[in-house]
Amino acid sequence: MKQIIFTLFVCGLSFLTSCYSVRLRNVNGAPQPDPFSNREDYYRGMAVVEIDTVITINLASKDFTYLIKEQDGCESGKLNIIEYRNTFGGILLSAITFGKKRKVKVKYVCQKL
């Protein structure tokens, strides 16, 4: 019985510690506004582009580059805010596939022209 409780405790703790987000913000410039946005979070009134995808990386490669183009909603080509989110599901997918597939959740706001 104690082993089951301990296992559930460790699993619950790993769920809580494995979900985090990192936000990087540029101090120079202003974010691109979106007056029609009805968000109630940190990005209220900003034009946010969200990327939620699974990327595939070769086992020999440790580097991956995702290119952001002007057509992707970033007219200025400059970034003001970038947020990377890591979840337990993303860590689990990476562990099961030995790092070959990774779940990526990124939000970014372009800089105002």
PDB file of N, CA and C in Angstrom:
ATOM      1  N   MET A   1       0.818  -1.202   0.000  1.00  0.00           N
ATOM      2  CA  MET A   1       0.000   0.000   0.000  1.00  0.00           C
ATOM      3  C   MET A   1       0.863   1.267   0.000  1.00  0.00           C
ATOM      4  N   LYS A   2       1.947   1.240   0.796  1.00  0.00           N
ATOM      5  CA  LYS A   2       2.833   2.404   0.852  1.00  0.00           C
ATOM      6  C   LYS A   2       3.538   2.632  -0.474  1.00  0.00           C
ATOM      7  N   GLN A   3       3.831   1.556  -1.203  1.00  0.00           N
ATOM      8  CA  GLN A   3       4.494   1.692  -2.500  1.00  0.00           C
ATOM      9  C   GLN A   3       3.576   2.369  -3.512  1.00  0.00           C
ATOM     10  N   ILE A   4       2.297   2.063  -3.473  1.00  0.00           N
ATOM     11  CA  ILE A   4       1.334   2.679  -4.398  1.00  0.00           C
ATOM     12  C   ILE A   4       1.194   4.164  -4.095  1.00  0.00           C
ATOM     13  N   ILE A   5       1.099   4.514  -2.826  1.00  0.00           N
ATOM     14  CA  ILE A   5       0.985   5.923  -2.441  1.00  0.00           C
ATOM     15  C   ILE A   5       2.249   6.677  -2.829  1.00  0.00           C
ATOM     16  N   PHE A   6       3.406   6.068  -2.594  1.00  0.00           N
ATOM     17  CA  PHE A   6       4.670   6.706  -2.965  1.00  0.00           C
ATOM     18  C   PHE A   6       4.763   6.904  -4.483  1.00  0.00           C
ATOM     19  N   THR A   7       4.358   5.902  -5.251  1.00  0.00           N
ATOM     20  CA  THR A   7       4.379   6.000  -6.712  1.00  0.00           C
ATOM     21  C   THR A   7       3.445   7.092  -7.195  1.00  0.00           C
ATOM     22  N   LEU A   8       2.251   7.174  -6.639  1.00  0.00           N
ATOM     23  CA  LEU A   8       1.306   8.230  -7.016  1.00  0.00           C
ATOM     24  C   LEU A   8       1.839   9.607  -6.638  1.00  0.00           C
ATOM     25  N   PHE A   9       2.493   9.700  -5.500  1.00  0.00           N
ATOM     26  CA  PHE A   9       3.082  10.969  -5.072  1.00  0.00           C
ATOM     27  C   PHE A   9       4.184  11.410  -6.020  1.00  0.00           C
ATOM     28  N   VAL A  10       5.054  10.495  -6.409  1.00  0.00           N
ATOM     29  CA  VAL A  10       6.146  10.822  -7.335  1.00  0.00           C
ATOM     30  C   VAL A  10       5.593  11.210  -8.699  1.00  0.00           C
ATOM     31  N   CYS A  11       4.586  10.497  -9.179  1.00  0.00           N
ATOM     32  CA  CYS A  11       3.966  10.832 -10.472  1.00  0.00           C
ATOM     33  C   CYS A  11       3.299  12.201 -10.412  1.00  0.00           C
ATOM     34  N   GLY A  12       2.592  12.472  -9.354  1.00  0.00           N
ATOM     35  CA  GLY A  12       1.950  13.780  -9.193  1.00  0.00           C
ATOM     36  C   GLY A  12       2.959  14.905  -9.114  1.00  0.00           C
ATOM     37  N   LEU A  13       4.037  14.665  -8.423  1.00  0.00           N
ATOM     38  CA  LEU A  13       5.088  15.672  -8.318  1.00  0.00           C
ATOM     39  C   LEU A  13       5.755  15.916  -9.670  1.00  0.00           C
ATOM     40  N   SER A  14       5.951  14.858 -10.441  1.00  0.00           N
ATOM     41  CA  SER A  14       6.570  15.038 -11.763  1.00  0.00           C
ATOM     42  C   SER A  14       5.634  15.765 -12.717  1.00  0.00           C
ATOM     43  N   PHE A  15       4.321  15.568 -12.568  1.00  0.00           N
ATOM     44  CA  PHE A  15       3.368  16.322 -13.389  1.00  0.00           C
ATOM     45  C   PHE A  15       3.473  17.819 -13.105  1.00  0.00           C
ATOM     46  N   LEU A  16       3.585  18.176 -11.833  1.00  0.00           N
ATOM     47  CA  LEU A  16       3.626  19.585 -11.462  1.00  0.00           C
ATOM     48  C   LEU A  16       4.942  20.258 -11.836  1.00  0.00           C
ATOM     49  N   THR A  17       6.053  19.560 -11.699  1.00  0.00           N
ATOM     50  CA  THR A  17       7.339  20.180 -11.962  1.00  0.00           C
ATOM     51  C   THR A  17       7.715  20.181 -13.433  1.00  0.00           C
ATOM     52  N   SER A  18       7.050  19.364 -14.250  1.00  0.00           N
ATOM     53  CA  SER A  18       7.447  19.279 -15.650  1.00  0.00           C
ATOM     54  C   SER A  18       6.690  20.261 -16.535  1.00  0.00           C
ATOM     55  N   CYS A  19       5.740  20.978 -16.024  1.00  0.00           N
ATOM     56  CA  CYS A  19       5.012  21.969 -16.810  1.00  0.00           C
ATOM     57  C   CYS A  19       5.524  23.359 -16.445  1.00  0.00           C
ATOM     58  N   TYR A  20       6.137  23.996 -17.408  1.00  0.00           N
ATOM     59  CA  TYR A  20       6.629  25.345 -17.158  1.00  0.00           C
ATOM     60  C   TYR A  20       6.646  26.113 -18.468  1.00  0.00           C
ATOM     61  N   SER A  21       6.710  27.426 -18.364  1.00  0.00           N
ATOM     62  CA  SER A  21       6.850  28.256 -19.554  1.00  0.00           C
ATOM     63  C   SER A  21       7.913  29.312 -19.295  1.00  0.00           C
ATOM     64  N   VAL A  22       8.607  29.668 -20.367  1.00  0.00           N
ATOM     65  CA  VAL A  22       9.654  30.677 -20.310  1.00  0.00           C
ATOM     66  C   VAL A  22       9.261  31.780 -21.278  1.00  0.00           C
ATOM     67  N   ARG A  23       9.235  33.017 -20.798  1.00  0.00           N
ATOM     68  CA  ARG A  23       8.849  34.149 -21.633  1.00  0.00           C
ATOM     69  C   ARG A  23      10.029  35.114 -21.737  1.00  0.00           C
ATOM     70  N   LEU A  24      10.398  35.446 -22.972  1.00  0.00           N
ATOM     71  CA  LEU A  24      11.472  36.402 -23.230  1.00  0.00           C
ATOM     72  C   LEU A  24      10.845  37.628 -23.878  1.00  0.00           C
ATOM     73  N   ARG A  25      11.186  38.814 -23.374  1.00  0.00           N
ATOM     74  CA  ARG A  25      10.588  40.040 -23.883  1.00  0.00           C
ATOM     75  C   ARG A  25      11.668  41.054 -24.209  1.00  0.00           C
ATOM     76  N   ASN A  26      11.498  41.715 -25.330  1.00  0.00           N
ATOM     77  CA  ASN A  26      12.408  42.757 -25.777  1.00  0.00           C
ATOM     78  C   ASN A  26      12.042  44.065 -25.069  1.00  0.00           C
ATOM     79  N   VAL A  27      13.009  44.747 -24.485  1.00  0.00           N
ATOM     80  CA  VAL A  27      12.712  45.994 -23.786  1.00  0.00           C
ATOM     81  C   VAL A  27      12.626  47.174 -24.746  1.00  0.00           C
ATOM     82  N   ASN A  28      13.204  47.045 -25.930  1.00  0.00           N
ATOM     83  CA  ASN A  28      13.136  48.103 -26.929  1.00  0.00           C
ATOM     84  C   ASN A  28      11.986  47.813 -27.892  1.00  0.00           C
ATOM     85  N   GLY A  29      11.162  48.800 -28.132  1.00  0.00           N
ATOM     86  CA  GLY A  29      10.043  48.615 -29.052  1.00  0.00           C
ATOM     87  C   GLY A  29       8.768  48.250 -28.333  1.00  0.00           C
ATOM     88  N   ALA A  30       7.691  48.228 -29.097  1.00  0.00           N
ATOM     89  CA  ALA A  30       6.378  47.929 -28.554  1.00  0.00           C
ATOM     90  C   ALA A  30       5.791  46.727 -29.291  1.00  0.00           C
ATOM     91  N   PRO A  31       4.935  45.939 -28.618  1.00  0.00           N
ATOM     92  CA  PRO A  31       4.319  44.793 -29.282  1.00  0.00           C
ATOM     93  C   PRO A  31       3.293  45.237 -30.332  1.00  0.00           C
ATOM     94  N   GLN A  32       3.130  44.400 -31.336  1.00  0.00           N
ATOM     95  CA  GLN A  32       2.151  44.680 -32.386  1.00  0.00           C
ATOM     96  C   GLN A  32       0.743  44.562 -31.801  1.00  0.00           C
ATOM     97  N   PRO A  33      -0.058  45.627 -31.873  1.00  0.00           N
ATOM     98  CA  PRO A  33      -1.386  45.586 -31.258  1.00  0.00           C
ATOM     99  C   PRO A  33      -2.402  44.835 -32.124  1.00  0.00           C
ATOM    100  N   ASP A  34      -3.416  44.323 -31.471  1.00  0.00           N
ATOM    101  CA  ASP A  34      -4.556  43.705 -32.141  1.00  0.00           C
ATOM    102  C   ASP A  34      -5.813  44.182 -31.419  1.00  0.00           C
ATOM    103  N   PRO A  35      -6.469  45.222 -31.943  1.00  0.00           N
ATOM    104  CA  PRO A  35      -7.626  45.774 -31.242  1.00  0.00           C
ATOM    105  C   PRO A  35      -8.822  44.824 -31.187  1.00  0.00           C
ATOM    106  N   PHE A  36      -8.837  43.806 -32.032  1.00  0.00           N
ATOM    107  CA  PHE A  36      -9.969  42.875 -32.064  1.00  0.00           C
ATOM    108  C   PHE A  36      -9.737  41.646 -31.197  1.00  0.00           C
ATOM    109  N   SER A  37      -8.610  41.593 -30.522  1.00  0.00           N
ATOM    110  CA  SER A  37      -8.291  40.464 -29.664  1.00  0.00           C
ATOM    111  C   SER A  37      -9.158  40.507 -28.401  1.00  0.00           C
ATOM    112  N   ASN A  38      -9.703  39.361 -28.029  1.00  0.00           N
ATOM    113  CA  ASN A  38     -10.527  39.291 -26.818  1.00  0.00           C
ATOM    114  C   ASN A  38      -9.873  38.396 -25.758  1.00  0.00           C
ATOM    115  N   ARG A  39      -8.554  38.349 -25.750  1.00  0.00           N
ATOM    116  CA  ARG A  39      -7.825  37.555 -24.770  1.00  0.00           C
ATOM    117  C   ARG A  39      -7.869  38.233 -23.408  1.00  0.00           C
ATOM    118  N   GLU A  40      -7.822  37.434 -22.361  1.00  0.00           N
ATOM    119  CA  GLU A  40      -7.825  37.961 -20.995  1.00  0.00           C
ATOM    120  C   GLU A  40      -6.549  37.584 -20.248  1.00  0.00           C
ATOM    121  N   ASP A  41      -5.542  37.116 -20.959  1.00  0.00           N
ATOM    122  CA  ASP A  41      -4.302  36.707 -20.300  1.00  0.00           C
ATOM    123  C   ASP A  41      -3.221  37.774 -20.468  1.00  0.00           C
ATOM    124  N   TYR A  42      -1.995  37.403 -20.337  1.00  0.00           N
ATOM    125  CA  TYR A  42      -0.865  38.328 -20.444  1.00  0.00           C
ATOM    126  C   TYR A  42      -0.834  39.037 -21.789  1.00  0.00           C
ATOM    127  N   TYR A  43      -1.321  38.390 -22.825  1.00  0.00           N
ATOM    128  CA  TYR A  43      -1.253  38.912 -24.191  1.00  0.00           C
ATOM    129  C   TYR A  43      -2.479  39.733 -24.589  1.00  0.00           C
ATOM    130  N   ARG A  44      -3.162  40.308 -23.656  1.00  0.00           N
ATOM    131  CA  ARG A  44      -4.358  41.100 -23.921  1.00  0.00           C
ATOM    132  C   ARG A  44      -4.021  42.289 -24.825  1.00  0.00           C
ATOM    133  N   GLY A  45      -4.728  42.395 -25.954  1.00  0.00           N
ATOM    134  CA  GLY A  45      -4.545  43.502 -26.881  1.00  0.00           C
ATOM    135  C   GLY A  45      -3.361  43.366 -27.822  1.00  0.00           C
ATOM    136  N   MET A  46      -2.714  42.195 -27.825  1.00  0.00           N
ATOM    137  CA  MET A  46      -1.552  41.982 -28.691  1.00  0.00           C
ATOM    138  C   MET A  46      -1.879  40.953 -29.769  1.00  0.00           C
ATOM    139  N   ALA A  47      -1.225  41.093 -30.916  1.00  0.00           N
ATOM    140  CA  ALA A  47      -1.384  40.130 -32.005  1.00  0.00           C
ATOM    141  C   ALA A  47      -0.448  38.952 -31.738  1.00  0.00           C
ATOM    142  N   VAL A  48      -1.011  37.835 -31.295  1.00  0.00           N
ATOM    143  CA  VAL A  48      -0.236  36.668 -30.895  1.00  0.00           C
ATOM    144  C   VAL A  48      -0.279  35.612 -32.000  1.00  0.00           C
ATOM    145  N   VAL A  49       0.866  35.042 -32.297  1.00  0.00           N
ATOM    146  CA  VAL A  49       0.957  33.909 -33.216  1.00  0.00           C
ATOM    147  C   VAL A  49       1.332  32.699 -32.374  1.00  0.00           C
ATOM    148  N   GLU A  50       0.531  31.625 -32.470  1.00  0.00           N
ATOM    149  CA  GLU A  50       0.772  30.426 -31.681  1.00  0.00           C
ATOM    150  C   GLU A  50       1.192  29.277 -32.585  1.00  0.00           C
ATOM    151  N   ILE A  51       2.228  28.574 -32.173  1.00  0.00           N
ATOM    152  CA  ILE A  51       2.701  27.400 -32.888  1.00  0.00           C
ATOM    153  C   ILE A  51       2.592  26.222 -31.930  1.00  0.00           C
ATOM    154  N   ASP A  52       1.847  25.195 -32.325  1.00  0.00           N
ATOM    155  CA  ASP A  52       1.688  23.984 -31.530  1.00  0.00           C
ATOM    156  C   ASP A  52       1.877  22.810 -32.485  1.00  0.00           C
ATOM    157  N   THR A  53       3.065  22.251 -32.498  1.00  0.00           N
ATOM    158  CA  THR A  53       3.392  21.217 -33.472  1.00  0.00           C
ATOM    159  C   THR A  53       4.363  20.207 -32.876  1.00  0.00           C
ATOM    160  N   VAL A  54       4.558  19.125 -33.595  1.00  0.00           N
ATOM    161  CA  VAL A  54       5.547  18.124 -33.219  1.00  0.00           C
ATOM    162  C   VAL A  54       6.643  18.165 -34.275  1.00  0.00           C
ATOM    163  N   ILE A  55       7.884  18.336 -33.842  1.00  0.00           N
ATOM    164  CA  ILE A  55       9.004  18.379 -34.776  1.00  0.00           C
ATOM    165  C   ILE A  55       9.778  17.072 -34.689  1.00  0.00           C
ATOM    166  N   THR A  56      10.409  16.709 -35.787  1.00  0.00           N
ATOM    167  CA  THR A  56      11.216  15.502 -35.843  1.00  0.00           C
ATOM    168  C   THR A  56      12.677  15.892 -36.018  1.00  0.00           C
ATOM    169  N   ILE A  57      13.515  15.357 -35.153  1.00  0.00           N
ATOM    170  CA  ILE A  57      14.941  15.650 -35.170  1.00  0.00           C
ATOM    171  C   ILE A  57      15.694  14.328 -35.326  1.00  0.00           C
ATOM    172  N   ASN A  58      16.721  14.321 -36.143  1.00  0.00           N
ATOM    173  CA  ASN A  58      17.556  13.125 -36.271  1.00  0.00           C
ATOM    174  C   ASN A  58      18.269  12.871 -34.955  1.00  0.00           C
ATOM    175  N   LEU A  59      18.547  11.604 -34.686  1.00  0.00           N
ATOM    176  CA  LEU A  59      19.214  11.264 -33.432  1.00  0.00           C
ATOM    177  C   LEU A  59      20.613  11.862 -33.349  1.00  0.00           C
ATOM    178  N   ALA A  60      21.286  12.025 -34.481  1.00  0.00           N
ATOM    179  CA  ALA A  60      22.638  12.584 -34.471  1.00  0.00           C
ATOM    180  C   ALA A  60      22.628  14.100 -34.299  1.00  0.00           C
ATOM    181  N   SER A  61      21.514  14.748 -34.648  1.00  0.00           N
ATOM    182  CA  SER A  61      21.430  16.205 -34.588  1.00  0.00           C
ATOM    183  C   SER A  61      20.865  16.650 -33.246  1.00  0.00           C
ATOM    184  N   LYS A  62      21.446  17.668 -32.672  1.00  0.00           N
ATOM    185  CA  LYS A  62      20.953  18.227 -31.410  1.00  0.00           C
ATOM    186  C   LYS A  62      20.348  19.608 -31.614  1.00  0.00           C
ATOM    187  N   ASP A  63      20.319  20.083 -32.854  1.00  0.00           N
ATOM    188  CA  ASP A  63      19.909  21.443 -33.148  1.00  0.00           C
ATOM    189  C   ASP A  63      18.740  21.442 -34.129  1.00  0.00           C
ATOM    190  N   PHE A  64      17.821  22.366 -33.944  1.00  0.00           N
ATOM    191  CA  PHE A  64      16.687  22.520 -34.848  1.00  0.00           C
ATOM    192  C   PHE A  64      16.376  24.007 -34.954  1.00  0.00           C
ATOM    193  N   THR A  65      16.116  24.488 -36.160  1.00  0.00           N
ATOM    194  CA  THR A  65      15.803  25.895 -36.371  1.00  0.00           C
ATOM    195  C   THR A  65      14.445  26.004 -37.035  1.00  0.00           C
ATOM    196  N   TYR A  66      13.564  26.797 -36.446  1.00  0.00           N
ATOM    197  CA  TYR A  66      12.254  27.080 -37.027  1.00  0.00           C
ATOM    198  C   TYR A  66      12.300  28.511 -37.541  1.00  0.00           C
ATOM    199  N   LEU A  67      12.066  28.692 -38.829  1.00  0.00           N
ATOM    200  CA  LEU A  67      12.162  30.017 -39.442  1.00  0.00           C
ATOM    201  C   LEU A  67      10.819  30.730 -39.388  1.00  0.00           C
ATOM    202  N   ILE A  68      10.830  31.985 -38.952  1.00  0.00           N
ATOM    203  CA  ILE A  68       9.637  32.820 -38.904  1.00  0.00           C
ATOM    204  C   ILE A  68       9.706  33.796 -40.067  1.00  0.00           C
ATOM    205  N   LYS A  69       8.702  33.740 -40.925  1.00  0.00           N
ATOM    206  CA  LYS A  69       8.705  34.573 -42.127  1.00  0.00           C
ATOM    207  C   LYS A  69       7.708  35.717 -41.985  1.00  0.00           C
ATOM    208  N   GLU A  70       7.815  36.697 -42.870  1.00  0.00           N
ATOM    209  CA  GLU A  70       6.889  37.829 -42.840  1.00  0.00           C
ATOM    210  C   GLU A  70       5.452  37.386 -43.095  1.00  0.00           C
ATOM    211  N   GLN A  71       5.264  36.322 -43.893  1.00  0.00           N
ATOM    212  CA  GLN A  71       3.922  35.841 -44.203  1.00  0.00           C
ATOM    213  C   GLN A  71       3.260  35.172 -43.006  1.00  0.00           C
ATOM    214  N   ASP A  72       4.029  34.782 -42.020  1.00  0.00           N
ATOM    215  CA  ASP A  72       3.488  34.078 -40.864  1.00  0.00           C
ATOM    216  C   ASP A  72       2.841  35.009 -39.846  1.00  0.00           C
ATOM    217  N   GLY A  73       2.604  36.237 -40.199  1.00  0.00           N
ATOM    218  CA  GLY A  73       1.951  37.159 -39.282  1.00  0.00           C
ATOM    219  C   GLY A  73       2.900  38.138 -38.635  1.00  0.00           C
ATOM    220  N   CYS A  74       4.134  38.165 -39.076  1.00  0.00           N
ATOM    221  CA  CYS A  74       5.129  39.070 -38.505  1.00  0.00           C
ATOM    222  C   CYS A  74       5.598  40.020 -39.600  1.00  0.00           C
ATOM    223  N   GLU A  75       4.886  41.105 -39.774  1.00  0.00           N
ATOM    224  CA  GLU A  75       5.170  42.046 -40.858  1.00  0.00           C
ATOM    225  C   GLU A  75       6.520  42.735 -40.690  1.00  0.00           C
ATOM    226  N   SER A  76       6.888  43.066 -39.477  1.00  0.00           N
ATOM    227  CA  SER A  76       8.142  43.781 -39.253  1.00  0.00           C
ATOM    228  C   SER A  76       9.350  42.859 -39.325  1.00  0.00           C
ATOM    229  N   GLY A  77       9.138  41.569 -39.112  1.00  0.00           N
ATOM    230  CA  GLY A  77      10.257  40.634 -39.095  1.00  0.00           C
ATOM    231  C   GLY A  77      11.027  40.650 -37.786  1.00  0.00           C
ATOM    232  N   LYS A  78      10.562  41.415 -36.795  1.00  0.00           N
ATOM    233  CA  LYS A  78      11.225  41.513 -35.492  1.00  0.00           C
ATOM    234  C   LYS A  78      10.298  40.956 -34.423  1.00  0.00           C
ATOM    235  N   LEU A  79      10.866  40.280 -33.453  1.00  0.00           N
ATOM    236  CA  LEU A  79      10.082  39.692 -32.379  1.00  0.00           C
ATOM    237  C   LEU A  79      10.161  40.551 -31.127  1.00  0.00           C
ATOM    238  N   ASN A  80       9.019  40.696 -30.454  1.00  0.00           N
ATOM    239  CA  ASN A  80       8.970  41.467 -29.216  1.00  0.00           C
ATOM    240  C   ASN A  80       8.871  40.550 -28.004  1.00  0.00           C
ATOM    241  N   ILE A  81       8.014  39.529 -28.091  1.00  0.00           N
ATOM    242  CA  ILE A  81       7.831  38.583 -26.985  1.00  0.00           C
ATOM    243  C   ILE A  81       7.857  37.169 -27.557  1.00  0.00           C
ATOM    244  N   ILE A  82       8.563  36.268 -26.876  1.00  0.00           N
ATOM    245  CA  ILE A  82       8.586  34.860 -27.235  1.00  0.00           C
ATOM    246  C   ILE A  82       8.306  34.064 -25.964  1.00  0.00           C
ATOM    247  N   GLU A  83       7.384  33.110 -26.054  1.00  0.00           N
ATOM    248  CA  GLU A  83       7.098  32.232 -24.918  1.00  0.00           C
ATOM    249  C   GLU A  83       7.190  30.790 -25.375  1.00  0.00           C
ATOM    250  N   TYR A  84       7.994  30.012 -24.674  1.00  0.00           N
ATOM    251  CA  TYR A  84       8.149  28.593 -24.943  1.00  0.00           C
ATOM    252  C   TYR A  84       7.529  27.832 -23.783  1.00  0.00           C
ATOM    253  N   ARG A  85       6.652  26.887 -24.072  1.00  0.00           N
ATOM    254  CA  ARG A  85       5.987  26.134 -23.018  1.00  0.00           C
ATOM    255  C   ARG A  85       6.370  24.674 -23.111  1.00  0.00           C
ATOM    256  N   ASN A  86       6.723  24.114 -21.985  1.00  0.00           N
ATOM    257  CA  ASN A  86       7.072  22.709 -21.889  1.00  0.00           C
ATOM    258  C   ASN A  86       6.031  22.021 -21.015  1.00  0.00           C
ATOM    259  N   THR A  87       5.545  20.876 -21.456  1.00  0.00           N
ATOM    260  CA  THR A  87       4.535  20.141 -20.705  1.00  0.00           C
ATOM    261  C   THR A  87       5.000  18.713 -20.454  1.00  0.00           C
ATOM    262  N   PHE A  88       4.301  18.034 -19.587  1.00  0.00           N
ATOM    263  CA  PHE A  88       4.623  16.646 -19.283  1.00  0.00           C
ATOM    264  C   PHE A  88       4.447  15.767 -20.513  1.00  0.00           C
ATOM    265  N   GLY A  89       3.431  16.048 -21.323  1.00  0.00           N
ATOM    266  CA  GLY A  89       3.214  15.281 -22.549  1.00  0.00           C
ATOM    267  C   GLY A  89       4.364  15.427 -23.522  1.00  0.00           C
ATOM    268  N   GLY A  90       4.924  16.617 -23.615  1.00  0.00           N
ATOM    269  CA  GLY A  90       6.074  16.840 -24.483  1.00  0.00           C
ATOM    270  C   GLY A  90       7.304  16.095 -24.013  1.00  0.00           C
ATOM    271  N   ILE A  91       7.528  16.081 -22.704  1.00  0.00           N
ATOM    272  CA  ILE A  91       8.662  15.355 -22.136  1.00  0.00           C
ATOM    273  C   ILE A  91       8.471  13.855 -22.326  1.00  0.00           C
ATOM    274  N   LEU A  92       7.247  13.372 -22.131  1.00  0.00           N
ATOM    275  CA  LEU A  92       6.949  11.956 -22.294  1.00  0.00           C
ATOM    276  C   LEU A  92       7.142  11.524 -23.744  1.00  0.00           C
ATOM    277  N   LEU A  93       6.675  12.336 -24.708  1.00  0.00           N
ATOM    278  CA  LEU A  93       6.851  12.020 -26.128  1.00  0.00           C
ATOM    279  C   LEU A  93       8.332  11.962 -26.480  1.00  0.00           C
ATOM    280  N   SER A  94       9.109  12.903 -25.985  1.00  0.00           N
ATOM    281  CA  SER A  94      10.541  12.913 -26.250  1.00  0.00           C
ATOM    282  C   SER A  94      11.223  11.693 -25.636  1.00  0.00           C
ATOM    283  N   ALA A  95      10.805  11.284 -24.455  1.00  0.00           N
ATOM    284  CA  ALA A  95      11.407  10.125 -23.796  1.00  0.00           C
ATOM    285  C   ALA A  95      11.053   8.830 -24.525  1.00  0.00           C
ATOM    286  N   ILE A  96       9.811   8.694 -24.960  1.00  0.00           N
ATOM    287  CA  ILE A  96       9.376   7.472 -25.635  1.00  0.00           C
ATOM    288  C   ILE A  96      10.060   7.311 -26.992  1.00  0.00           C
ATOM    289  N   THR A  97      10.270   8.428 -27.703  1.00  0.00           N
ATOM    290  CA  THR A  97      10.897   8.374 -29.026  1.00  0.00           C
ATOM    291  C   THR A  97      12.410   8.609 -28.956  1.00  0.00           C
ATOM    292  N   PHE A  98      12.980   8.581 -27.756  1.00  0.00           N
ATOM    293  CA  PHE A  98      14.422   8.783 -27.532  1.00  0.00           C
ATOM    294  C   PHE A  98      14.905  10.112 -28.107  1.00  0.00           C
ATOM    295  N   GLY A  99      14.093  11.146 -28.000  1.00  0.00           N
ATOM    296  CA  GLY A  99      14.479  12.488 -28.418  1.00  0.00           C
ATOM    297  C   GLY A  99      14.273  12.775 -29.889  1.00  0.00           C
ATOM    298  N   LYS A 100      13.726  11.823 -30.634  1.00  0.00           N
ATOM    299  CA  LYS A 100      13.547  12.022 -32.075  1.00  0.00           C
ATOM    300  C   LYS A 100      12.384  12.964 -32.380  1.00  0.00           C
ATOM    301  N   LYS A 101      11.297  12.866 -31.627  1.00  0.00           N
ATOM    302  CA  LYS A 101      10.140  13.746 -31.808  1.00  0.00           C
ATOM    303  C   LYS A 101       9.969  14.597 -30.552  1.00  0.00           C
ATOM    304  N   ARG A 102       9.684  15.859 -30.775  1.00  0.00           N
ATOM    305  CA  ARG A 102       9.495  16.777 -29.650  1.00  0.00           C
ATOM    306  C   ARG A 102       8.274  17.650 -29.899  1.00  0.00           C
ATOM    307  N   LYS A 103       7.480  17.801 -28.872  1.00  0.00           N
ATOM    308  CA  LYS A 103       6.289  18.646 -28.952  1.00  0.00           C
ATOM    309  C   LYS A 103       6.697  20.075 -28.640  1.00  0.00           C
ATOM    310  N   VAL A 104       6.320  20.998 -29.524  1.00  0.00           N
ATOM    311  CA  VAL A 104       6.728  22.386 -29.392  1.00  0.00           C
ATOM    312  C   VAL A 104       5.481  23.259 -29.270  1.00  0.00           C
ATOM    313  N   LYS A 105       5.447  24.060 -28.211  1.00  0.00           N
ATOM    314  CA  LYS A 105       4.391  25.061 -28.026  1.00  0.00           C
ATOM    315  C   LYS A 105       5.077  26.409 -27.863  1.00  0.00           C
ATOM    316  N   VAL A 106       4.891  27.268 -28.847  1.00  0.00           N
ATOM    317  CA  VAL A 106       5.537  28.579 -28.840  1.00  0.00           C
ATOM    318  C   VAL A 106       4.488  29.630 -29.139  1.00  0.00           C
ATOM    319  N   LYS A 107       4.542  30.716 -28.380  1.00  0.00           N
ATOM    320  CA  LYS A 107       3.728  31.910 -28.673  1.00  0.00           C
ATOM    321  C   LYS A 107       4.701  33.053 -28.889  1.00  0.00           C
ATOM    322  N   TYR A 108       4.415  33.864 -29.907  1.00  0.00           N
ATOM    323  CA  TYR A 108       5.262  35.043 -30.094  1.00  0.00           C
ATOM    324  C   TYR A 108       4.429  36.220 -30.584  1.00  0.00           C
ATOM    325  N   VAL A 109       4.922  37.396 -30.211  1.00  0.00           N
ATOM    326  CA  VAL A 109       4.300  38.665 -30.614  1.00  0.00           C
ATOM    327  C   VAL A 109       5.365  39.448 -31.369  1.00  0.00           C
ATOM    328  N   CYS A 110       4.999  39.939 -32.527  1.00  0.00           N
ATOM    329  CA  CYS A 110       5.941  40.711 -33.340  1.00  0.00           C
ATOM    330  C   CYS A 110       6.060  42.129 -32.803  1.00  0.00           C
ATOM    331  N   GLN A 111       7.121  42.771 -33.199  1.00  0.00           N
ATOM    332  CA  GLN A 111       7.330  44.156 -32.812  1.00  0.00           C
ATOM    333  C   GLN A 111       6.546  45.069 -33.742  1.00  0.00           C
ATOM    334  N   LYS A 112       6.027  46.133 -33.189  1.00  0.00           N
ATOM    335  CA  LYS A 112       5.249  47.111 -33.931  1.00  0.00           C
ATOM    336  C   LYS A 112       6.136  47.793 -34.965  1.00  0.00           C
ATOM    337  N   LEU A 113       5.566  48.050 -36.142  1.00  0.00           N
ATOM    338  CA  LEU A 113       6.321  48.715 -37.210  1.00  0.00           C
ATOM    339  C   LEU A 113       6.670  50.141 -36.874  1.00  0.00           C
TER     340      LEU A 113
END
